[in-house]
N, C-alpha and C. Protein backbone atom coordinates (compact mmCIF):
# COMPACT_ATOMS: atom_id res chain seq x y z
N UNK A 1 121.33 105.86 94.00
CA UNK A 1 120.94 106.59 95.19
C UNK A 1 119.53 106.17 95.59
N UNK A 2 119.38 105.75 96.80
CA UNK A 2 118.07 105.32 97.30
C UNK A 2 117.23 106.54 97.66
N UNK A 3 115.97 106.49 97.26
CA UNK A 3 115.02 107.54 97.61
C UNK A 3 113.79 106.86 98.17
N UNK A 4 113.27 107.37 99.29
CA UNK A 4 112.12 106.70 99.89
C UNK A 4 110.99 107.67 100.18
N UNK A 5 109.82 107.09 100.34
CA UNK A 5 108.63 107.83 100.75
C UNK A 5 107.90 106.96 101.78
N UNK A 6 107.33 107.61 102.77
CA UNK A 6 106.65 106.89 103.85
C UNK A 6 105.30 107.53 104.12
N UNK A 7 104.32 106.70 104.39
CA UNK A 7 103.03 107.19 104.88
C UNK A 7 102.81 106.52 106.23
N UNK A 8 102.36 107.32 107.19
CA UNK A 8 102.23 106.81 108.55
C UNK A 8 100.77 106.76 109.00
N UNK A 9 100.49 105.81 109.87
CA UNK A 9 99.19 105.62 110.50
C UNK A 9 98.07 105.46 109.48
N UNK A 10 98.26 104.52 108.57
CA UNK A 10 97.23 104.19 107.59
C UNK A 10 96.33 103.13 108.21
N UNK A 11 95.04 103.28 108.03
CA UNK A 11 94.09 102.36 108.65
C UNK A 11 93.97 101.05 107.87
N UNK A 12 95.07 100.34 107.77
CA UNK A 12 95.10 99.01 107.19
C UNK A 12 96.12 98.21 108.02
N UNK A 13 95.80 96.98 108.41
CA UNK A 13 96.75 96.21 109.20
C UNK A 13 98.04 95.94 108.41
N UNK A 14 99.16 95.91 109.11
CA UNK A 14 100.44 95.68 108.46
C UNK A 14 100.48 94.31 107.77
N UNK A 15 99.80 93.37 108.32
CA UNK A 15 99.77 92.02 107.74
C UNK A 15 99.13 92.02 106.35
N UNK A 16 98.07 92.80 106.17
CA UNK A 16 97.41 92.89 104.87
C UNK A 16 98.22 93.75 103.90
N UNK A 17 98.89 94.77 104.41
CA UNK A 17 99.71 95.63 103.55
C UNK A 17 100.90 94.85 103.01
N UNK A 18 101.46 93.96 103.81
CA UNK A 18 102.62 93.17 103.37
C UNK A 18 102.27 92.25 102.21
N UNK A 19 101.05 91.78 102.14
CA UNK A 19 100.63 90.94 101.02
C UNK A 19 100.73 91.70 99.70
N UNK A 20 100.38 92.98 99.72
CA UNK A 20 100.45 93.82 98.53
C UNK A 20 101.90 94.17 98.21
N UNK A 21 102.67 94.50 99.24
CA UNK A 21 104.06 94.91 99.03
C UNK A 21 104.92 93.78 98.46
N UNK A 22 104.59 92.54 98.79
CA UNK A 22 105.34 91.41 98.24
C UNK A 22 105.19 91.32 96.72
N UNK A 23 104.10 91.84 96.18
CA UNK A 23 103.86 91.77 94.74
C UNK A 23 104.75 92.72 93.95
N UNK A 24 105.15 93.84 94.54
CA UNK A 24 105.87 94.86 93.77
C UNK A 24 107.37 94.93 94.08
N UNK A 25 107.83 94.22 95.09
CA UNK A 25 109.24 94.30 95.48
C UNK A 25 110.14 93.80 94.34
N UNK A 26 111.10 94.64 93.94
CA UNK A 26 112.04 94.27 92.88
C UNK A 26 111.59 94.57 91.47
N UNK A 27 110.37 95.03 91.29
CA UNK A 27 109.84 95.31 89.96
C UNK A 27 110.18 96.74 89.53
N UNK A 28 110.07 96.99 88.22
CA UNK A 28 110.22 98.35 87.71
C UNK A 28 109.05 99.21 88.16
N UNK A 29 109.25 100.51 88.14
CA UNK A 29 108.23 101.42 88.67
C UNK A 29 106.93 101.34 87.86
N UNK A 30 107.04 101.29 86.53
CA UNK A 30 105.83 101.25 85.70
C UNK A 30 105.05 99.96 85.94
N UNK A 31 105.77 98.84 86.03
CA UNK A 31 105.11 97.55 86.25
C UNK A 31 104.46 97.51 87.64
N UNK A 32 105.16 98.03 88.64
CA UNK A 32 104.61 98.06 90.00
C UNK A 32 103.36 98.92 90.07
N UNK A 33 103.38 100.07 89.38
CA UNK A 33 102.20 100.94 89.37
C UNK A 33 101.02 100.26 88.69
N UNK A 34 101.28 99.50 87.63
CA UNK A 34 100.20 98.78 86.93
C UNK A 34 99.62 97.68 87.82
N UNK A 35 100.47 96.97 88.54
CA UNK A 35 99.99 95.92 89.46
C UNK A 35 99.09 96.53 90.53
N UNK A 36 99.54 97.64 91.12
CA UNK A 36 98.78 98.26 92.21
C UNK A 36 97.47 98.86 91.73
N UNK A 37 97.46 99.35 90.49
CA UNK A 37 96.25 99.97 89.95
C UNK A 37 95.09 98.98 89.85
N UNK A 38 95.41 97.72 89.52
CA UNK A 38 94.36 96.73 89.30
C UNK A 38 94.18 95.76 90.46
N UNK A 39 94.86 95.98 91.56
CA UNK A 39 94.67 95.16 92.75
C UNK A 39 93.50 95.74 93.55
N UNK A 40 92.46 94.96 93.81
CA UNK A 40 91.22 95.53 94.37
C UNK A 40 91.18 95.59 95.90
N UNK A 41 92.14 96.25 96.54
CA UNK A 41 92.00 96.47 97.98
C UNK A 41 92.61 97.80 98.38
N UNK A 42 92.29 98.23 99.57
CA UNK A 42 92.68 99.56 100.03
C UNK A 42 94.19 99.70 100.20
N UNK A 43 94.84 98.63 100.63
CA UNK A 43 96.29 98.69 100.82
C UNK A 43 97.00 98.97 99.50
N UNK A 44 96.49 98.44 98.40
CA UNK A 44 97.09 98.69 97.08
C UNK A 44 96.91 100.15 96.67
N UNK A 45 95.77 100.72 96.99
CA UNK A 45 95.51 102.13 96.67
C UNK A 45 96.50 103.05 97.40
N UNK A 46 96.68 102.80 98.69
CA UNK A 46 97.59 103.62 99.49
C UNK A 46 99.04 103.41 99.03
N UNK A 47 99.41 102.17 98.77
CA UNK A 47 100.77 101.87 98.32
C UNK A 47 101.06 102.52 96.97
N UNK A 48 100.06 102.59 96.11
CA UNK A 48 100.23 103.27 94.83
C UNK A 48 100.56 104.74 95.01
N UNK A 49 99.92 105.38 95.97
CA UNK A 49 100.19 106.79 96.25
C UNK A 49 101.60 106.97 96.81
N UNK A 50 102.03 106.05 97.67
CA UNK A 50 103.36 106.14 98.25
C UNK A 50 104.42 105.91 97.16
N UNK A 51 104.17 104.97 96.28
CA UNK A 51 105.09 104.71 95.16
C UNK A 51 105.22 105.94 94.27
N UNK A 52 104.10 106.56 93.96
CA UNK A 52 104.11 107.77 93.14
C UNK A 52 104.90 108.88 93.83
N UNK A 53 104.76 109.00 95.13
CA UNK A 53 105.49 110.01 95.89
C UNK A 53 106.99 109.73 95.88
N UNK A 54 107.37 108.46 96.02
CA UNK A 54 108.79 108.11 96.00
C UNK A 54 109.42 108.41 94.64
N UNK A 55 108.68 108.13 93.58
CA UNK A 55 109.16 108.43 92.22
C UNK A 55 109.30 109.93 92.04
N UNK A 56 108.34 110.69 92.51
CA UNK A 56 108.41 112.15 92.42
C UNK A 56 109.59 112.70 93.20
N UNK A 57 109.84 112.14 94.38
CA UNK A 57 111.00 112.57 95.16
C UNK A 57 112.29 112.30 94.41
N UNK A 58 112.38 111.13 93.77
CA UNK A 58 113.60 110.76 93.04
C UNK A 58 113.83 111.67 91.84
N UNK A 59 112.77 111.97 91.10
CA UNK A 59 112.90 112.77 89.88
C UNK A 59 113.13 114.24 90.21
N UNK A 60 112.35 114.80 91.12
CA UNK A 60 112.41 116.23 91.39
C UNK A 60 113.54 116.63 92.34
N UNK A 61 113.80 115.83 93.37
CA UNK A 61 114.78 116.22 94.37
C UNK A 61 116.20 115.72 94.07
N UNK A 62 116.29 114.57 93.36
CA UNK A 62 117.60 113.96 93.15
C UNK A 62 117.96 113.80 91.67
N UNK A 63 117.14 114.31 90.77
CA UNK A 63 117.38 114.30 89.33
C UNK A 63 117.71 112.90 88.79
N UNK A 64 116.98 111.89 89.25
CA UNK A 64 117.15 110.53 88.72
C UNK A 64 116.23 110.34 87.52
N UNK A 65 116.60 109.38 86.65
CA UNK A 65 115.81 109.10 85.45
C UNK A 65 114.66 108.17 85.81
N UNK A 66 113.43 108.60 85.53
CA UNK A 66 112.25 107.81 85.90
C UNK A 66 112.20 106.47 85.20
N UNK A 67 112.72 106.39 83.97
CA UNK A 67 112.68 105.13 83.21
C UNK A 67 113.57 104.06 83.82
N UNK A 68 114.58 104.45 84.59
CA UNK A 68 115.53 103.49 85.17
C UNK A 68 115.19 103.09 86.60
N UNK A 69 114.14 103.66 87.17
CA UNK A 69 113.82 103.40 88.58
C UNK A 69 113.16 102.04 88.78
N UNK A 70 113.46 101.42 89.91
CA UNK A 70 112.79 100.18 90.31
C UNK A 70 112.57 100.20 91.82
N UNK A 71 111.68 99.34 92.28
CA UNK A 71 111.36 99.27 93.71
C UNK A 71 112.43 98.42 94.39
N UNK A 72 113.32 99.08 95.10
CA UNK A 72 114.42 98.37 95.75
C UNK A 72 113.95 97.66 97.01
N UNK A 73 113.13 98.33 97.80
CA UNK A 73 112.62 97.75 99.04
C UNK A 73 111.27 98.36 99.34
N UNK A 74 110.43 97.61 100.01
CA UNK A 74 109.15 98.13 100.50
C UNK A 74 108.76 97.31 101.71
N UNK A 75 108.27 97.98 102.72
CA UNK A 75 107.91 97.28 103.94
C UNK A 75 106.80 98.02 104.67
N UNK A 76 106.12 97.27 105.53
CA UNK A 76 105.04 97.83 106.34
C UNK A 76 105.30 97.47 107.80
N UNK A 77 105.44 98.50 108.62
CA UNK A 77 105.62 98.31 110.06
C UNK A 77 104.30 98.61 110.77
N UNK A 78 104.15 98.02 111.94
CA UNK A 78 102.92 98.26 112.69
C UNK A 78 102.92 99.66 113.28
N UNK A 79 101.76 100.31 113.19
CA UNK A 79 101.59 101.62 113.78
C UNK A 79 100.84 101.49 115.10
N UNK A 80 100.23 102.59 115.52
CA UNK A 80 99.45 102.55 116.76
C UNK A 80 98.19 101.72 116.55
N UNK A 81 97.68 101.15 117.62
CA UNK A 81 96.45 100.38 117.56
C UNK A 81 95.36 101.14 118.29
N UNK A 82 94.26 101.40 117.60
CA UNK A 82 93.12 102.05 118.23
C UNK A 82 92.32 100.99 118.97
N UNK A 83 92.15 101.16 120.26
CA UNK A 83 91.47 100.15 121.07
C UNK A 83 90.04 100.58 121.35
N UNK A 84 89.11 99.77 120.89
CA UNK A 84 87.69 100.03 121.07
C UNK A 84 87.06 98.82 121.74
N UNK A 85 85.85 99.00 122.27
CA UNK A 85 85.15 97.91 122.93
C UNK A 85 83.74 97.81 122.41
N UNK A 86 83.25 96.58 122.30
CA UNK A 86 81.88 96.33 121.86
C UNK A 86 81.12 95.71 123.02
N UNK A 87 79.93 96.21 123.26
CA UNK A 87 79.12 95.68 124.35
C UNK A 87 78.76 94.23 124.08
N UNK A 88 78.80 93.43 125.12
CA UNK A 88 78.49 92.01 125.00
C UNK A 88 77.48 91.62 126.08
N UNK A 89 77.12 90.36 126.12
CA UNK A 89 76.09 89.87 127.02
C UNK A 89 76.49 90.02 128.50
N UNK A 90 75.50 90.19 129.35
CA UNK A 90 75.66 90.24 130.80
C UNK A 90 76.57 91.39 131.26
N UNK A 91 76.53 92.51 130.56
CA UNK A 91 77.27 93.68 130.97
C UNK A 91 78.77 93.63 130.71
N UNK A 92 79.21 92.65 129.95
CA UNK A 92 80.64 92.56 129.67
C UNK A 92 80.96 93.26 128.35
N UNK A 93 82.23 93.28 127.99
CA UNK A 93 82.65 93.95 126.76
C UNK A 93 83.72 93.12 126.07
N UNK A 94 83.71 93.17 124.75
CA UNK A 94 84.73 92.49 123.95
C UNK A 94 85.60 93.53 123.28
N UNK A 95 86.93 93.33 123.34
CA UNK A 95 87.82 94.32 122.73
C UNK A 95 87.85 94.23 121.21
N UNK A 96 88.00 95.38 120.56
CA UNK A 96 88.18 95.47 119.11
C UNK A 96 89.44 96.28 118.89
N UNK A 97 90.44 95.68 118.22
CA UNK A 97 91.68 96.37 117.92
C UNK A 97 91.66 96.83 116.48
N UNK A 98 91.70 98.13 116.26
CA UNK A 98 91.75 98.69 114.91
C UNK A 98 93.21 99.03 114.62
N UNK A 99 93.84 98.17 113.85
CA UNK A 99 95.28 98.28 113.64
C UNK A 99 95.63 99.25 112.52
N UNK A 100 96.79 99.89 112.65
CA UNK A 100 97.29 100.80 111.63
C UNK A 100 98.70 100.36 111.25
N UNK A 101 99.23 100.97 110.18
CA UNK A 101 100.57 100.62 109.75
C UNK A 101 101.28 101.82 109.14
N UNK A 102 102.61 101.71 109.08
CA UNK A 102 103.45 102.69 108.42
C UNK A 102 104.02 102.01 107.18
N UNK A 103 103.72 102.52 105.98
CA UNK A 103 104.16 101.88 104.74
C UNK A 103 105.30 102.72 104.14
N UNK A 104 106.40 102.06 103.79
CA UNK A 104 107.57 102.72 103.21
C UNK A 104 107.94 102.04 101.91
N UNK A 105 108.20 102.86 100.87
CA UNK A 105 108.65 102.36 99.57
C UNK A 105 109.98 103.03 99.25
N UNK A 106 110.98 102.23 98.88
CA UNK A 106 112.31 102.72 98.53
C UNK A 106 112.55 102.42 97.06
N UNK A 107 112.90 103.45 96.27
CA UNK A 107 113.21 103.26 94.85
C UNK A 107 114.68 103.61 94.61
N UNK A 108 115.24 103.01 93.56
CA UNK A 108 116.63 103.24 93.21
C UNK A 108 116.79 103.10 91.70
N UNK A 109 117.92 103.57 91.18
CA UNK A 109 118.19 103.48 89.74
C UNK A 109 118.91 102.17 89.44
N UNK A 110 118.60 101.61 88.26
CA UNK A 110 119.31 100.41 87.83
C UNK A 110 120.55 100.81 87.09
């Protein structure tokens, strides 16, 4: 039985989040948590929280065995983009796009 957890509008670009998610796809839950714990970027920190939430959902809501869980799928979709402007020379402005993403982790039993 697939169980998922999602976090929405995280202030990390989807492109950077996908780099972290590629590391844990298909791994066991304990191994994935260890990888995310020692990865030194913000996307790994957020993904670790989402993974922990998905495992908690599986154990508490669906009575699955935590030792048998693995990361079946994980993906990051683009969220809303915060559009800001920075003042530039001669009264002009340069756009700054602050991108967000929606991160989803799906766990299942082996």
